[in-house]
Amino acid sequence: MPLTDDTFAGTNAPEFTVSEISFALKKMIEGEFAHVRIRGEIGRVSTPRSGHVYLDLKDERAVIAGVIWKGTVRKLRVRPEEGLEVVVTGRLTTYPGASKYQVVIESMAPAGIGALMAMLERRKAQLKAEGLFDPARKRRPPLLPKVVGVITSPSGAVIRDILHRLRDRFPIRVVIWPVAVQGEHCALEVARAIRGFNALPEGGPVPRPDALIVARGGGSIEDLWGFNEEIVVRAAAESAIPLISAVGHETDTTLIDLAADIRAPTPTAAAEMLVPVRRELLADVATLGERLVHAADRLLAERGRRLGDLARLLPRADDLLARPRHRLDRAEARLVRALEARAGRARTRHAALAGRMTLRLLERTIALKRERLAAPVQRLEVAIRRKRTDARRRSIETGRRLRPALARRQIEKGHHALETAARRLALQARSQLRQLGQRLESLDRMRQSLGWRETLARGYAVIRGPGGEGVITSKGAALPLPRLEIEFHDGRLPVLPDQGTPRKAPAPREGSHRASQGGARKPPRSSKPPEGQGSLF
């Protein structure tokens, strides 16, 4: 029976619109499954430009669509990859526009160690196929790096161990780039640190390292998982600076160990690989220096002995030079004779040629030369006379025109020169008179200071003969004289020279007091000066 509108006319079942039933289902599912944990294998993974991640979770019998919003993607510890078995946490919701339900994933973790190792093996095979682990591209760090860059946590024991070992072995400069070595930000910060060190310019404010160390202590595979991320492995492979990986203990292996230039079992071993022991290096250099000196001494001694042996085999210098000296002496004798013969032949030819040169030939040659020179000389004389006549005429005409003005100028110039000469003469005369006056005054002062009268004023005296004539300059000239005069600055004093014999006193005059008293005659006064007073002579 066909269904018509009247068929359900008598029923009381409610009617829903499509939107009402869709949102009712959405509310019911989100209320019942607000928090769920789902285990499954990641199937299709889609990452559009919006930054969200769309994927499928599946097992052997069902598939559930999943979405990870962009804000949650940055917080995930594990990147979703196809084929990875994971356990996700989130909530179920529906999409009414397409009648679909999906799970909004808030966290994701691998479903056990087996899943992580399987993903690690797949990533390792992929990166190895790209050549990132090729031993041919690995480089050795320099023997003595000046600057070392360390990428690790600044608060852990790893950095202290590295600095302590570097200080003990060979102190160098260390630049630390602090990073998180565990957690969701580990991979991104380590990759940025490696690329940051490589981007430093030479000679910049921060020194560019000669070698890099990426270091971390031991831990579980989950703790070390950030060093297995593809971004870290690619940054290590692209590093232009040699890189040493020291992540975990010796038994721990991460993908950065395979991409690094050198893998160190521990951070302390990385420091030991990077620099030698300074004391051992100095000892090796000293040993090599001694060996070099000894080797050079042995080589010189050996070469000296060899040279002596070879020198004994050589002939003496006199023996080697004897024959060349003999040939040289013979050649010298032949050369002298040849030069003398050549000079004799030349003199003979010269005499023969001189004999052929007769006086007539010379006269003819001289006459010919005179004839050749007569015409040019005549023309030259005519030209000279013409030039002289023209010059004389021009000078006469010029003189006629310029004589009066020239005479006036010469007279004015003569007056000016005369006045100038008179002024100069007057100045020179005054200058000479002033100089002569100054010289005369100087001579007069010298005369006054050196004159004999001024000398007398200073305590000296002049001895003259009788009558003040002649100057007596010695004792021998003064003794024969009967009378002397001594001239002082204020007058003359007559004196008698000391003859060395006593003189009689003159007879007393008649009527004198002494004669009338009949007293004894007074002995003559001695010319010897009293004691204590010096003689004038």
Protein backbone atom coordinates (compact mmCIF):
# COMPACT_ATOMS: atom_id res chain seq x y z
CA MET A 1 0.00 0.00 0.00
CA PRO A 2 1.46 3.35 -0.94
CA LEU A 3 2.36 5.79 1.87
CA THR A 4 0.61 9.12 1.93
CA ASP A 5 0.49 12.06 4.31
CA ASP A 6 -2.53 10.56 5.91
CA THR A 7 -0.68 7.42 6.90
CA PHE A 8 1.13 9.14 9.93
CA ALA A 9 -1.61 11.63 10.57
CA GLY A 10 -2.74 9.86 13.70
CA THR A 11 0.79 9.38 15.30
CA ASN A 12 2.42 11.62 17.99
CA ALA A 13 6.18 11.05 17.11
CA PRO A 14 8.16 14.37 17.21
CA GLU A 15 9.77 15.79 14.13
CA PHE A 16 13.42 17.11 14.04
CA THR A 17 15.18 19.15 11.49
CA VAL A 18 18.52 18.00 10.17
CA SER A 19 20.40 20.66 12.15
CA GLU A 20 18.56 19.81 15.32
CA ILE A 21 19.36 16.15 15.15
CA SER A 22 22.96 16.84 14.10
CA PHE A 23 23.65 19.21 17.01
CA ALA A 24 21.80 16.90 19.40
CA LEU A 25 24.13 14.06 18.37
CA LYS A 26 27.12 16.39 18.71
CA LYS A 27 26.10 17.40 22.25
CA MET A 28 25.48 13.84 23.28
CA ILE A 29 28.84 12.54 21.92
CA GLU A 30 30.85 15.39 23.40
CA GLY A 31 29.12 14.87 26.76
CA GLU A 32 29.72 11.13 26.84
CA PHE A 33 33.25 11.13 25.40
CA ALA A 34 34.68 14.41 26.73
CA HIS A 35 37.99 12.68 27.66
CA VAL A 36 39.19 9.54 25.89
CA ARG A 37 42.49 7.74 25.28
CA ILE A 38 42.75 5.92 21.99
CA ARG A 39 45.51 3.59 20.81
CA GLY A 40 46.04 3.05 17.15
CA GLU A 41 48.34 3.36 14.14
CA ILE A 42 48.66 6.67 12.36
CA GLY A 43 47.44 6.37 8.79
CA ARG A 44 47.08 9.33 6.48
CA VAL A 45 48.79 12.56 7.72
CA SER A 46 47.94 15.95 6.19
CA THR A 47 49.59 19.26 7.13
CA PRO A 48 47.94 22.22 5.33
CA ARG A 49 49.33 25.77 5.37
CA SER A 50 47.05 26.67 8.30
CA GLY A 51 49.39 24.77 10.64
CA HIS A 52 46.77 22.22 11.80
CA VAL A 53 47.46 18.49 11.39
CA TYR A 54 44.81 16.11 10.10
CA LEU A 55 45.37 12.35 10.42
CA ASP A 56 43.67 8.97 10.68
CA LEU A 57 43.90 6.56 13.62
CA LYS A 58 43.25 2.98 12.55
CA ASP A 59 43.47 -0.60 13.61
CA GLU A 60 42.69 -3.75 11.71
CA ARG A 61 38.89 -3.12 11.71
CA ALA A 62 38.11 0.65 12.03
CA VAL A 63 39.33 4.15 11.29
CA ILE A 64 38.77 7.36 13.28
CA ALA A 65 39.60 10.78 11.90
CA GLY A 66 41.72 13.01 14.11
CA VAL A 67 42.74 16.67 14.16
CA ILE A 68 45.52 18.46 16.06
CA TRP A 69 45.10 22.21 16.26
CA LYS A 70 48.07 24.43 15.50
CA GLY A 71 48.56 25.51 19.12
CA THR A 72 48.78 21.89 20.23
CA VAL A 73 51.19 20.82 17.46
CA ARG A 74 54.04 22.88 18.97
CA LYS A 75 53.59 21.12 22.34
CA LEU A 76 53.76 17.55 21.08
CA ARG A 77 56.77 15.49 22.14
CA VAL A 78 56.38 13.15 19.18
CA ARG A 79 55.80 14.30 15.63
CA PRO A 80 52.99 12.35 13.93
CA GLU A 81 54.34 10.05 11.20
CA GLU A 82 52.50 7.56 9.09
CA GLY A 83 52.78 3.99 10.43
CA LEU A 84 53.65 5.05 13.99
CA GLU A 85 51.61 3.36 16.72
CA VAL A 86 50.60 5.93 19.30
CA VAL A 87 48.31 6.58 22.25
CA VAL A 88 46.42 9.85 21.91
CA THR A 89 44.38 11.75 24.48
CA GLY A 90 41.53 14.05 23.53
CA ARG A 91 37.82 14.36 23.13
CA LEU A 92 35.30 13.15 20.53
CA THR A 93 33.22 15.59 18.54
CA THR A 94 31.21 15.64 15.35
CA TYR A 95 31.29 17.72 12.20
CA PRO A 96 27.64 18.35 11.29
CA GLY A 97 28.50 19.73 7.89
CA ALA A 98 29.61 16.31 6.66
CA SER A 99 27.94 13.92 9.14
CA LYS A 100 31.38 12.84 10.47
CA TYR A 101 32.86 12.41 13.89
CA GLN A 102 36.51 12.87 14.83
CA VAL A 103 38.78 13.04 17.82
CA VAL A 104 40.44 16.36 18.77
CA ILE A 105 43.93 15.26 19.92
CA GLU A 106 45.42 17.13 22.86
CA SER A 107 48.50 14.90 23.51
CA MET A 108 50.29 12.08 21.76
CA ALA A 109 52.80 9.48 22.95
CA PRO A 110 54.33 6.42 21.31
CA ALA A 111 52.67 3.16 22.20
CA GLY A 112 55.75 1.62 23.91
CA ILE A 113 59.50 1.37 23.23
CA GLY A 114 58.94 -0.86 20.24
CA ALA A 115 57.05 1.83 18.40
CA LEU A 116 59.75 4.44 19.13
CA MET A 117 62.50 2.12 17.93
CA ALA A 118 60.56 1.29 14.80
CA MET A 119 60.11 4.99 14.04
CA LEU A 120 63.76 5.62 14.83
CA GLU A 121 64.86 2.91 12.41
CA ARG A 122 62.64 4.30 9.65
CA ARG A 123 64.00 7.84 10.20
CA LYS A 124 67.54 6.53 10.33
CA ALA A 125 67.11 4.66 7.03
CA GLN A 126 65.58 7.74 5.37
CA LEU A 127 68.37 10.12 6.49
CA LYS A 128 71.06 7.59 5.61
CA ALA A 129 69.62 7.28 2.13
CA GLU A 130 70.00 11.06 1.77
CA GLY A 131 73.72 10.79 2.61
CA LEU A 132 73.65 12.65 5.93
CA PHE A 133 75.64 9.87 7.63
CA ASP A 134 78.25 9.53 4.87
CA PRO A 135 81.75 9.22 6.43
CA ALA A 136 83.29 11.08 3.44
CA ARG A 137 81.69 14.37 4.51
CA LYS A 138 82.97 14.27 8.09
CA ARG A 139 85.83 16.62 9.07
CA ARG A 140 88.39 16.59 11.83
CA PRO A 141 88.51 19.57 14.21
CA PRO A 142 91.74 21.60 14.33
CA LEU A 143 94.57 20.39 16.55
CA LEU A 144 94.55 23.50 18.77
CA PRO A 145 91.24 25.35 18.45
CA LYS A 146 91.25 28.92 19.77
CA VAL A 147 87.51 29.04 20.58
CA VAL A 148 85.13 26.15 21.38
CA GLY A 149 81.36 26.43 21.27
CA VAL A 150 79.41 24.24 23.71
CA ILE A 151 75.68 23.59 23.24
CA THR A 152 74.19 22.24 26.45
CA SER A 153 72.25 23.18 29.56
CA PRO A 154 74.09 25.86 31.57
CA SER A 155 72.87 24.46 34.91
CA GLY A 156 73.87 20.80 34.58
CA ALA A 157 77.01 18.94 35.57
CA VAL A 158 77.95 18.42 31.91
CA ILE A 159 79.24 21.96 31.34
CA ARG A 160 81.26 21.83 34.57
CA ASP A 161 82.90 18.57 33.52
CA ILE A 162 83.79 19.98 30.09
CA LEU A 163 85.23 23.23 31.49
CA HIS A 164 87.20 21.37 34.16
CA ARG A 165 88.73 18.95 31.65
CA LEU A 166 89.60 21.76 29.19
CA ARG A 167 91.22 23.75 32.01
CA ASP A 168 93.34 20.76 33.05
CA ARG A 169 94.45 19.79 29.55
CA PHE A 170 94.78 23.02 27.52
CA PRO A 171 92.98 26.21 28.64
CA ILE A 172 91.11 27.81 25.73
CA ARG A 173 88.20 30.18 25.29
CA VAL A 174 84.72 28.59 25.59
CA VAL A 175 81.46 30.12 24.34
CA ILE A 176 78.29 28.49 25.76
CA TRP A 177 74.92 28.49 23.98
CA PRO A 178 72.33 27.50 26.62
CA VAL A 179 69.58 25.15 25.39
CA ALA A 180 66.99 22.79 26.82
CA VAL A 181 68.38 19.24 26.57
CA GLN A 182 65.05 17.54 27.29
CA GLY A 183 61.41 18.18 26.57
CA GLU A 184 59.33 19.53 23.76
CA HIS A 185 61.62 22.55 23.02
CA CYS A 186 64.86 20.57 22.99
CA ALA A 187 65.10 19.78 19.27
CA LEU A 188 64.24 23.29 18.08
CA GLU A 189 66.69 25.01 20.47
CA VAL A 190 69.58 22.65 19.67
CA ALA A 191 69.08 23.13 15.92
CA ARG A 192 68.94 26.91 16.34
CA ALA A 193 72.14 26.85 18.42
CA ILE A 194 74.06 24.87 15.78
CA ARG A 195 72.92 27.18 13.00
CA GLY A 196 73.51 30.25 15.20
CA PHE A 197 77.16 29.34 15.80
CA ASN A 198 77.65 28.77 12.07
CA ALA A 199 76.12 32.18 11.30
CA LEU A 200 78.63 34.11 13.46
CA PRO A 201 80.97 36.24 11.30
CA GLU A 202 84.74 36.14 11.53
CA GLY A 203 86.08 38.94 13.72
CA GLY A 204 82.65 39.84 15.16
CA PRO A 205 81.87 40.84 18.75
CA VAL A 206 81.17 37.17 19.57
CA PRO A 207 84.10 35.00 18.38
CA ARG A 208 83.29 32.30 15.83
CA PRO A 209 84.16 28.86 17.31
CA ASP A 210 86.66 26.52 15.64
CA ALA A 211 84.77 23.45 16.91
CA LEU A 212 81.36 22.67 18.46
CA ILE A 213 80.33 20.24 21.22
CA VAL A 214 76.69 19.15 21.65
CA ALA A 215 76.57 17.58 25.10
CA ARG A 216 74.01 16.01 27.44
CA GLY A 217 74.10 13.48 30.25
CA GLY A 218 72.56 10.03 30.16
CA GLY A 219 68.83 9.23 30.22
CA SER A 220 66.05 7.12 28.79
CA ILE A 221 65.17 7.01 25.13
CA GLU A 222 62.32 9.40 25.79
CA ASP A 223 64.69 11.88 27.49
CA LEU A 224 67.12 11.71 24.56
CA TRP A 225 64.45 11.76 21.88
CA GLY A 226 65.01 15.45 21.05
CA PHE A 227 68.44 14.51 19.60
CA ASN A 228 66.74 12.01 17.25
CA GLU A 229 64.55 14.66 15.64
CA GLU A 230 65.10 15.31 11.94
CA ILE A 231 65.64 19.06 12.43
CA VAL A 232 68.58 18.43 14.77
CA VAL A 233 70.15 15.80 12.50
CA ARG A 234 69.96 18.06 9.46
CA ALA A 235 71.42 21.03 11.37
CA ALA A 236 74.36 18.85 12.50
CA ALA A 237 74.95 17.59 8.96
CA GLU A 238 74.85 21.13 7.51
CA SER A 239 77.28 22.59 10.09
CA ALA A 240 80.38 24.10 8.49
CA ILE A 241 82.13 24.01 11.88
CA PRO A 242 83.37 20.54 12.96
CA LEU A 243 80.88 19.13 15.47
CA ILE A 244 81.42 16.60 18.26
CA SER A 245 78.34 14.79 19.61
CA ALA A 246 78.50 13.85 23.31
CA VAL A 247 74.87 12.91 24.05
CA GLY A 248 74.17 10.34 26.75
CA HIS A 249 76.48 7.62 27.97
CA GLU A 250 78.62 5.30 25.87
CA THR A 251 75.75 2.84 25.37
CA ASP A 252 73.29 5.54 24.26
CA THR A 253 73.09 6.17 20.50
CA THR A 254 71.13 8.98 18.88
CA LEU A 255 70.87 10.12 15.28
CA ILE A 256 72.93 13.24 15.97
CA ASP A 257 75.84 10.90 16.79
CA LEU A 258 75.67 9.55 13.23
CA ALA A 259 75.43 12.98 11.61
CA ALA A 260 78.17 14.63 13.72
CA ASP A 261 81.79 14.67 12.59
CA ILE A 262 82.94 12.87 15.75
CA ARG A 263 80.97 10.90 18.36
CA ALA A 264 82.28 11.04 21.93
CA PRO A 265 81.10 8.44 24.47
CA THR A 266 80.79 11.10 27.21
CA PRO A 267 81.04 14.91 27.46
CA THR A 268 84.37 14.56 29.28
CA ALA A 269 85.70 12.41 26.45
CA ALA A 270 84.60 15.10 23.98
CA ALA A 271 86.80 17.66 25.76
CA GLU A 272 89.70 15.17 25.71
CA MET A 273 89.25 14.57 21.98
CA LEU A 274 89.18 18.28 21.23
CA VAL A 275 92.43 19.47 22.85
CA PRO A 276 95.69 17.71 23.75
CA VAL A 277 97.42 17.87 27.12
CA ARG A 278 99.52 21.02 27.12
CA ARG A 279 102.32 19.54 29.22
CA GLU A 280 102.55 16.47 26.99
CA LEU A 281 102.51 18.67 23.89
CA LEU A 282 105.37 20.80 25.24
CA ALA A 283 107.30 17.65 26.12
CA ASP A 284 106.74 16.23 22.63
CA VAL A 285 107.87 19.51 21.05
CA ALA A 286 111.01 19.54 23.23
CA THR A 287 111.74 15.92 22.33
CA LEU A 288 111.25 16.57 18.64
CA GLY A 289 113.49 19.64 18.90
CA GLU A 290 116.26 17.60 20.49
CA ARG A 291 115.88 14.89 17.87
CA LEU A 292 116.01 17.52 15.15
CA VAL A 293 119.21 19.01 16.60
CA HIS A 294 120.83 15.59 16.91
CA ALA A 295 119.77 14.64 13.38
CA ALA A 296 121.15 17.91 12.01
CA ASP A 297 124.44 17.37 13.85
CA ARG A 298 124.73 13.83 12.51
CA LEU A 299 123.88 14.96 9.00
CA LEU A 300 126.45 17.78 9.13
CA ALA A 301 129.11 15.44 10.50
CA GLU A 302 128.35 12.84 7.83
CA ARG A 303 128.38 15.42 5.06
CA GLY A 304 131.65 16.86 6.45
CA ARG A 305 133.30 13.45 6.37
CA ARG A 306 132.01 12.84 2.88
CA LEU A 307 133.27 16.23 1.76
CA GLY A 308 136.69 15.53 3.27
CA ASP A 309 136.87 12.18 1.45
CA LEU A 310 135.95 13.79 -1.84
CA ALA A 311 138.41 16.66 -1.24
CA ARG A 312 141.27 14.15 -0.81
CA LEU A 313 140.42 12.65 -4.20
CA LEU A 314 140.61 16.00 -5.96
CA PRO A 315 143.98 17.11 -7.46
CA ARG A 316 145.81 20.11 -6.02
CA ALA A 317 145.00 23.57 -7.30
CA ASP A 318 148.57 24.14 -8.53
CA ASP A 319 148.42 20.94 -10.56
CA LEU A 320 145.11 21.98 -12.10
CA LEU A 321 146.37 25.47 -12.96
CA ALA A 322 149.85 24.56 -14.16
CA ARG A 323 148.98 23.82 -17.81
CA PRO A 324 146.53 26.78 -18.16
CA ARG A 325 149.22 29.08 -16.70
CA HIS A 326 151.80 27.78 -19.19
CA ARG A 327 149.41 28.32 -22.10
CA LEU A 328 148.62 31.82 -20.78
CA ASP A 329 152.32 32.74 -20.62
CA ARG A 330 152.92 31.50 -24.17
CA ALA A 331 149.88 33.34 -25.45
CA GLU A 332 151.05 36.53 -23.73
CA ALA A 333 154.49 36.29 -25.38
CA ARG A 334 152.93 35.68 -28.82
CA LEU A 335 150.53 38.56 -28.27
CA VAL A 336 153.35 40.99 -27.48
CA ARG A 337 155.28 39.97 -30.59
CA ALA A 338 152.16 40.18 -32.74
CA LEU A 339 151.33 43.67 -31.42
CA GLU A 340 154.86 44.90 -32.11
CA ALA A 341 154.77 43.49 -35.66
CA ARG A 342 151.34 45.01 -36.27
CA ALA A 343 152.52 48.41 -35.04
CA GLY A 344 155.61 48.23 -37.32
CA ARG A 345 153.51 47.45 -40.38
CA ALA A 346 151.15 50.30 -39.52
CA ARG A 347 154.04 52.75 -39.19
CA THR A 348 155.43 51.62 -42.58
CA ARG A 349 152.06 52.15 -44.31
CA HIS A 350 151.66 55.53 -42.63
CA ALA A 351 155.12 56.65 -43.85
CA ALA A 352 154.33 55.53 -47.37
CA LEU A 353 151.05 57.44 -47.37
CA ALA A 354 152.73 60.53 -45.93
CA GLY A 355 155.32 60.41 -48.69
CA ARG A 356 152.66 60.44 -51.34
CA MET A 357 151.06 63.55 -49.88
CA THR A 358 152.97 66.36 -51.69
CA LEU A 359 152.85 70.06 -51.09
CA ARG A 360 151.09 70.67 -54.42
CA LEU A 361 148.24 68.42 -53.46
CA LEU A 362 147.86 70.31 -50.22
CA GLU A 363 147.92 73.67 -52.00
CA ARG A 364 145.38 72.50 -54.53
CA THR A 365 143.12 71.29 -51.79
CA ILE A 366 143.46 74.58 -49.91
CA ALA A 367 142.76 76.63 -53.06
CA LEU A 368 139.71 74.55 -53.80
CA LYS A 369 138.41 75.09 -50.30
CA ARG A 370 139.04 78.84 -50.58
CA GLU A 371 137.15 79.01 -53.88
CA ARG A 372 134.24 77.20 -52.37
CA LEU A 373 134.19 79.54 -49.37
CA ALA A 374 134.79 82.84 -51.25
CA ALA A 375 131.24 83.36 -52.51
CA PRO A 376 129.53 82.60 -49.14
CA VAL A 377 132.03 84.83 -47.31
CA GLN A 378 131.42 87.69 -49.73
CA ARG A 379 127.67 87.36 -49.40
CA LEU A 380 128.03 87.25 -45.64
CA GLU A 381 130.15 90.41 -45.57
CA VAL A 382 127.65 92.27 -47.77
CA ALA A 383 124.78 91.16 -45.52
CA ILE A 384 126.71 92.23 -42.41
CA ARG A 385 127.45 95.68 -43.87
CA ARG A 386 123.82 96.09 -44.85
CA LYS A 387 122.65 95.06 -41.38
CA ARG A 388 125.09 97.45 -39.75
CA THR A 389 123.97 100.33 -42.03
CA ASP A 390 120.30 99.62 -41.30
CA ALA A 391 120.92 99.34 -37.57
CA ARG A 392 122.92 102.59 -37.51
CA ARG A 393 120.20 104.40 -39.42
CA ARG A 394 117.48 103.09 -37.12
CA SER A 395 119.47 104.02 -34.06
CA ILE A 396 120.04 107.55 -35.40
CA GLU A 397 116.34 107.99 -36.13
CA THR A 398 115.39 106.54 -32.77
CA GLY A 399 117.90 108.78 -31.03
CA ARG A 400 116.53 111.85 -32.76
CA ARG A 401 113.06 111.03 -31.55
CA LEU A 402 113.98 109.93 -28.04
CA ARG A 403 116.96 112.22 -27.26
CA PRO A 404 115.07 115.09 -25.48
CA ALA A 405 112.82 112.81 -23.42
CA LEU A 406 115.73 110.49 -22.72
CA ALA A 407 117.89 113.40 -21.59
CA ARG A 408 115.20 114.63 -19.21
CA ARG A 409 114.71 111.14 -17.79
CA GLN A 410 118.43 110.67 -17.37
CA ILE A 411 118.74 114.06 -15.64
CA GLU A 412 115.84 113.23 -13.32
CA LYS A 413 117.29 109.81 -12.68
CA GLY A 414 120.68 111.40 -11.98
CA HIS A 415 119.13 113.90 -9.50
CA HIS A 416 117.26 111.09 -7.79
CA ALA A 417 120.38 108.93 -7.60
CA LEU A 418 122.39 111.90 -6.32
CA GLU A 419 119.86 112.62 -3.58
CA THR A 420 119.73 108.97 -2.64
CA ALA A 421 123.53 108.80 -2.53
CA ALA A 422 123.68 111.99 -0.42
CA ARG A 423 121.17 110.59 2.08
CA ARG A 424 123.01 107.31 2.25
CA LEU A 425 126.34 109.12 2.61
CA ALA A 426 124.98 111.32 5.42
CA LEU A 427 123.54 108.27 7.21
CA GLN A 428 126.78 106.38 6.77
CA ALA A 429 128.84 109.38 7.95
CA ARG A 430 126.71 109.78 11.06
CA SER A 431 126.95 106.05 11.72
CA GLN A 432 130.72 106.04 11.30
CA LEU A 433 131.09 109.16 13.52
CA ARG A 434 128.95 107.50 16.17
CA GLN A 435 131.02 104.32 15.97
CA LEU A 436 134.31 106.29 16.08
CA GLY A 437 133.08 108.31 19.09
CA GLN A 438 132.15 105.11 20.91
CA ARG A 439 135.53 103.60 20.10
CA LEU A 440 137.32 106.79 21.24
CA GLU A 441 135.44 106.73 24.53
CA SER A 442 136.33 103.06 24.97
CA LEU A 443 140.02 103.78 24.28
CA ASP A 444 139.97 106.73 26.68
CA ARG A 445 138.51 104.54 29.41
CA MET A 446 141.19 101.96 28.69
CA ARG A 447 143.85 104.71 28.79
CA GLN A 448 142.58 105.95 32.10
CA SER A 449 142.56 102.43 33.54
CA LEU A 450 145.99 101.48 32.11
CA GLY A 451 147.84 104.88 32.22
CA TRP A 452 151.01 105.24 34.40
CA ARG A 453 149.60 108.02 36.53
CA GLU A 454 146.55 105.90 37.36
CA THR A 455 148.97 103.08 38.16
CA LEU A 456 150.78 105.46 40.61
CA ALA A 457 147.42 106.17 42.25
CA ARG A 458 147.05 102.43 42.97
CA GLY A 459 150.23 102.40 45.09
CA TYR A 460 153.06 102.10 42.60
CA ALA A 461 156.02 104.57 42.14
CA VAL A 462 158.56 105.63 39.46
CA ILE A 463 162.30 105.98 40.27
CA ARG A 464 164.17 108.62 38.31
CA GLY A 465 167.77 109.79 38.14
CA PRO A 466 169.24 113.08 39.36
CA GLY A 467 167.21 116.02 38.21
CA GLY A 468 164.20 113.77 37.48
CA GLU A 469 165.64 112.59 34.19
CA GLY A 470 165.53 109.02 33.08
CA VAL A 471 163.71 106.07 34.66
CA ILE A 472 165.77 103.66 36.77
CA THR A 473 164.57 100.07 36.35
CA SER A 474 167.29 98.03 38.20
CA LYS A 475 169.40 98.08 41.34
CA GLY A 476 172.64 98.04 39.40
CA ALA A 477 171.69 101.24 37.59
CA ALA A 478 170.68 102.96 40.85
CA LEU A 479 173.81 102.26 43.01
CA PRO A 480 176.31 104.46 41.13
CA LEU A 481 174.02 107.47 41.14
CA PRO A 482 174.52 110.11 43.84
CA ARG A 483 170.89 111.08 44.06
CA LEU A 484 167.49 109.55 43.12
CA GLU A 485 163.97 110.82 42.96
CA ILE A 486 160.89 108.69 43.66
CA GLU A 487 157.73 109.94 42.00
CA PHE A 488 154.42 109.20 43.70
CA HIS A 489 150.96 110.15 42.45
CA ASP A 490 151.05 113.35 44.53
CA GLY A 491 154.73 114.46 44.05
CA ARG A 492 158.40 113.51 44.02
CA LEU A 493 160.69 112.58 46.92
CA PRO A 494 164.53 112.86 46.69
CA VAL A 495 166.49 109.91 48.22
CA LEU A 496 170.08 108.72 48.43
CA PRO A 497 170.93 105.22 47.27
CA ASP A 498 172.46 102.75 49.76
CA GLN A 499 176.19 102.27 48.80
CA GLY A 500 176.97 99.69 51.38
CA THR A 501 179.64 101.94 53.25
CA PRO A 502 179.09 104.46 56.06
CA ARG A 503 179.30 108.12 55.25
CA LYS A 504 180.80 110.88 57.37
CA ALA A 505 178.56 113.48 58.71
CA PRO A 506 179.29 117.03 57.62
CA ALA A 507 181.30 119.28 59.99
CA PRO A 508 179.20 121.30 62.36
CA ARG A 509 178.84 124.92 61.74
CA GLU A 510 180.62 127.42 63.81
CA GLY A 511 178.57 128.82 66.58
CA SER A 512 176.33 125.94 66.67
CA HIS A 513 174.93 124.75 69.95
CA ARG A 514 176.58 121.38 69.79
CA ALA A 515 180.07 122.79 69.04
CA SER A 516 179.82 125.30 71.90
CA GLN A 517 178.94 122.51 74.31
CA GLY A 518 181.93 120.56 73.13
CA GLY A 519 179.79 117.53 73.01
CA ALA A 520 180.74 114.38 71.19
CA ARG A 521 180.17 114.16 67.57
CA LYS A 522 176.91 112.26 66.67
CA PRO A 523 177.64 109.20 64.63
CA PRO A 524 176.33 109.23 61.09
CA ARG A 525 172.87 107.83 60.55
CA SER A 526 172.90 104.45 58.94
CA SER A 527 171.12 104.06 55.68
CA LYS A 528 169.88 100.69 56.80
CA PRO A 529 166.23 100.96 57.59
CA PRO A 530 165.06 100.06 61.01
CA GLU A 531 163.98 96.51 61.75
CA GLY A 532 160.49 95.84 60.65
CA GLN A 533 160.48 98.31 57.74
CA GLY A 534 161.42 97.25 54.24
CA SER A 535 163.77 99.09 51.91
CA LEU A 536 162.55 100.91 48.86
CA PHE A 537 165.26 99.18 46.82
